[in-house]
N, C-alpha and C. Protein backbone atom coordinates (compact mmCIF):
# COMPACT_ATOMS: atom_id res chain seq x y z
N UNK A 1 -38.65 39.58 -6.49
CA UNK A 1 -37.70 40.06 -5.22
C UNK A 1 -38.50 40.87 -4.27
N UNK A 2 -38.09 40.81 -3.57
CA UNK A 2 -38.83 41.64 -2.26
C UNK A 2 -37.62 42.75 -1.49
N UNK A 3 -36.81 43.42 -2.67
CA UNK A 3 -36.57 44.84 -1.51
C UNK A 3 -37.06 45.96 -1.92
N UNK A 4 -37.15 46.62 -0.74
CA UNK A 4 -38.10 47.71 -0.31
C UNK A 4 -37.44 48.82 -0.76
N UNK A 5 -38.02 49.68 -1.38
CA UNK A 5 -37.44 50.99 -1.41
C UNK A 5 -36.56 51.42 -0.50
N UNK A 6 -36.84 51.59 0.76
CA UNK A 6 -36.25 51.79 1.84
C UNK A 6 -34.91 51.19 2.14
N UNK A 7 -34.68 49.94 2.19
CA UNK A 7 -33.90 49.31 1.57
C UNK A 7 -32.36 49.81 0.89
N UNK A 8 -33.35 50.06 -0.46
CA UNK A 8 -32.54 50.63 -1.29
C UNK A 8 -32.29 52.07 -0.94
N UNK A 9 -32.94 53.22 -0.76
CA UNK A 9 -31.91 54.10 -0.04
C UNK A 9 -30.97 54.04 0.75
N UNK A 10 -30.67 52.87 1.95
CA UNK A 10 -29.56 52.66 2.68
C UNK A 10 -28.42 52.14 2.35
N UNK A 11 -28.77 51.34 1.40
CA UNK A 11 -28.27 49.60 0.53
C UNK A 11 -26.87 50.50 0.25
N UNK A 12 -25.37 50.53 0.12
CA UNK A 12 -24.53 51.03 -0.32
C UNK A 12 -23.43 50.15 -1.19
N UNK A 13 -22.54 49.98 -1.76
CA UNK A 13 -21.28 49.49 -2.25
C UNK A 13 -20.52 49.29 -1.44
N UNK A 14 -20.27 48.02 -1.23
CA UNK A 14 -19.17 47.86 -0.40
C UNK A 14 -17.86 48.13 -0.79
N UNK A 15 -17.54 48.51 -1.24
CA UNK A 15 -16.36 48.69 -2.11
C UNK A 15 -16.13 50.43 -2.61
N UNK A 16 -17.24 51.57 -2.82
CA UNK A 16 -16.63 52.67 -3.04
C UNK A 16 -18.16 53.69 -1.95
N UNK A 17 -18.96 52.79 -1.58
CA UNK A 17 -19.73 52.98 -0.53
C UNK A 17 -21.19 54.40 -1.57
N UNK A 18 -20.88 54.04 -2.81
CA UNK A 18 -21.77 54.65 -3.26
C UNK A 18 -23.34 54.17 -3.92
N UNK A 19 -24.21 54.21 -4.10
CA UNK A 19 -25.43 53.88 -3.89
C UNK A 19 -25.79 53.00 -5.34
N UNK A 20 -26.40 51.75 -5.19
CA UNK A 20 -26.87 50.34 -5.90
C UNK A 20 -28.28 50.95 -6.12
N UNK A 21 -27.97 50.63 -7.95
CA UNK A 21 -29.36 50.72 -8.72
C UNK A 21 -30.07 48.71 -8.57
N UNK A 22 -31.25 48.71 -8.69
CA UNK A 22 -31.96 47.49 -8.29
C UNK A 22 -32.07 47.47 -10.15
N UNK A 23 -31.43 45.73 -10.54
CA UNK A 23 -31.36 45.58 -11.75
C UNK A 23 -32.59 44.22 -11.85
N UNK A 24 -33.94 44.60 -12.14
CA UNK A 24 -34.84 43.65 -12.10
C UNK A 24 -34.52 42.56 -13.31
N UNK A 25 -33.88 42.97 -14.28
CA UNK A 25 -33.39 41.93 -15.61
C UNK A 25 -32.30 41.06 -15.13
N UNK A 26 -31.38 41.11 -14.03
CA UNK A 26 -30.20 40.43 -14.27
C UNK A 26 -30.45 40.03 -12.85
N UNK A 27 -31.51 39.93 -11.53
CA UNK A 27 -31.42 39.61 -10.06
C UNK A 27 -30.09 40.00 -9.55
N UNK A 28 -30.12 41.65 -9.64
CA UNK A 28 -28.54 42.23 -8.80
C UNK A 28 -28.70 43.70 -8.94
N UNK A 29 -27.96 44.03 -7.97
CA UNK A 29 -27.41 45.42 -7.39
C UNK A 29 -26.18 45.85 -8.35
N UNK A 30 -26.48 47.07 -9.10
CA UNK A 30 -25.88 47.65 -9.98
C UNK A 30 -25.02 48.78 -9.33
N UNK A 31 -23.55 48.96 -8.95
CA UNK A 31 -22.66 50.18 -8.57
C UNK A 31 -22.46 50.52 -10.65
N UNK A 32 -22.63 51.72 -10.64
CA UNK A 32 -22.18 52.50 -11.78
C UNK A 32 -20.88 52.93 -11.38
N UNK A 33 -20.86 53.46 -10.71
CA UNK A 33 -19.07 53.92 -10.68
C UNK A 33 -17.76 52.79 -10.15
N UNK A 34 -18.16 51.86 -9.72
CA UNK A 34 -17.50 50.59 -9.64
C UNK A 34 -17.49 49.82 -10.64
N UNK A 35 -18.67 49.97 -11.72
CA UNK A 35 -19.03 48.84 -12.61
C UNK A 35 -19.13 47.53 -12.43
N UNK A 36 -19.73 47.35 -10.82
CA UNK A 36 -20.21 46.07 -10.30
C UNK A 36 -21.43 45.64 -10.51
N UNK A 37 -21.47 44.46 -10.07
CA UNK A 37 -23.04 43.39 -10.37
C UNK A 37 -23.05 42.75 -8.89
N UNK A 38 -23.51 42.88 -8.03
CA UNK A 38 -23.60 42.45 -6.84
C UNK A 38 -25.18 40.87 -6.88
N UNK A 39 -25.06 40.28 -6.73
CA UNK A 39 -25.97 39.03 -7.48
C UNK A 39 -27.05 39.53 -5.98
N UNK A 40 -28.24 38.71 -6.31
CA UNK A 40 -29.32 38.44 -5.17
C UNK A 40 -29.93 37.15 -5.38
N UNK A 41 -29.70 36.28 -4.39
CA UNK A 41 -29.56 35.46 -4.18
C UNK A 41 -31.03 34.54 -3.44
N UNK A 42 -31.69 33.75 -3.48
CA UNK A 42 -32.94 33.77 -3.05
C UNK A 42 -33.29 35.17 -1.89
N UNK A 43 -33.48 36.51 -2.76
CA UNK A 43 -33.83 37.56 -2.39
C UNK A 43 -33.25 38.25 -1.24
N UNK A 44 -32.13 37.89 -0.97
CA UNK A 44 -31.05 38.15 -0.20
C UNK A 44 -29.68 39.00 -0.84
N UNK A 45 -29.54 40.26 -0.95
CA UNK A 45 -28.27 41.21 -1.39
C UNK A 45 -27.03 40.11 -1.01
N UNK A 46 -26.05 39.92 -2.27
CA UNK A 46 -24.79 39.27 -1.71
C UNK A 46 -24.07 40.40 -1.84
N UNK A 47 -23.62 40.97 -1.02
CA UNK A 47 -22.38 42.22 -0.77
C UNK A 47 -20.93 42.24 -0.33
N UNK A 48 -20.83 41.14 -1.16
CA UNK A 48 -19.32 40.85 -1.12
C UNK A 48 -18.46 40.86 -2.36
N UNK A 49 -17.44 41.76 -2.07
CA UNK A 49 -16.47 42.50 -3.66
C UNK A 49 -16.40 41.04 -4.22
N UNK A 50 -15.87 40.02 -3.19
CA UNK A 50 -15.37 39.13 -4.17
C UNK A 50 -16.44 38.20 -5.38
N UNK A 51 -17.50 38.05 -4.96
CA UNK A 51 -18.90 38.21 -5.41
C UNK A 51 -19.12 38.85 -6.35
N UNK A 52 -18.80 39.94 -6.31
CA UNK A 52 -19.18 40.70 -7.59
C UNK A 52 -18.79 40.33 -8.90
N UNK A 53 -19.57 40.66 -10.23
CA UNK A 53 -19.12 40.30 -11.54
C UNK A 53 -19.10 41.99 -12.10
N UNK A 54 -18.22 42.04 -13.29
CA UNK A 54 -17.86 43.04 -13.94
C UNK A 54 -19.19 43.76 -14.69
N UNK A 55 -19.55 44.86 -14.80
CA UNK A 55 -20.85 45.08 -15.29
C UNK A 55 -20.45 44.95 -16.99
N UNK A 56 -21.26 44.65 -17.55
CA UNK A 56 -20.69 43.89 -19.34
C UNK A 56 -21.90 45.80 -20.20
N UNK A 57 -20.93 46.20 -21.50
CA UNK A 57 -21.45 46.83 -21.77
C UNK A 57 -23.09 46.92 -22.23
N UNK A 58 -23.69 48.16 -21.80
CA UNK A 58 -25.27 47.98 -22.15
C UNK A 58 -25.25 48.42 -23.52
N UNK A 59 -25.90 47.54 -24.26
CA UNK A 59 -25.84 48.31 -26.16
C UNK A 59 -27.00 49.59 -25.98
């Protein structure tokens, strides 16, 4: 995955406009505030609210 740190600084959750965290384990961008996971497909973040998945509880 080639998301640069600069891109991660400016990219935001489309729902709440908050910061997104990169999850290498799930190939996704995570919004802790909305509890949503935005998938990354073919190294392109899919920032559509309809495509987001709910975050599951972390152990």
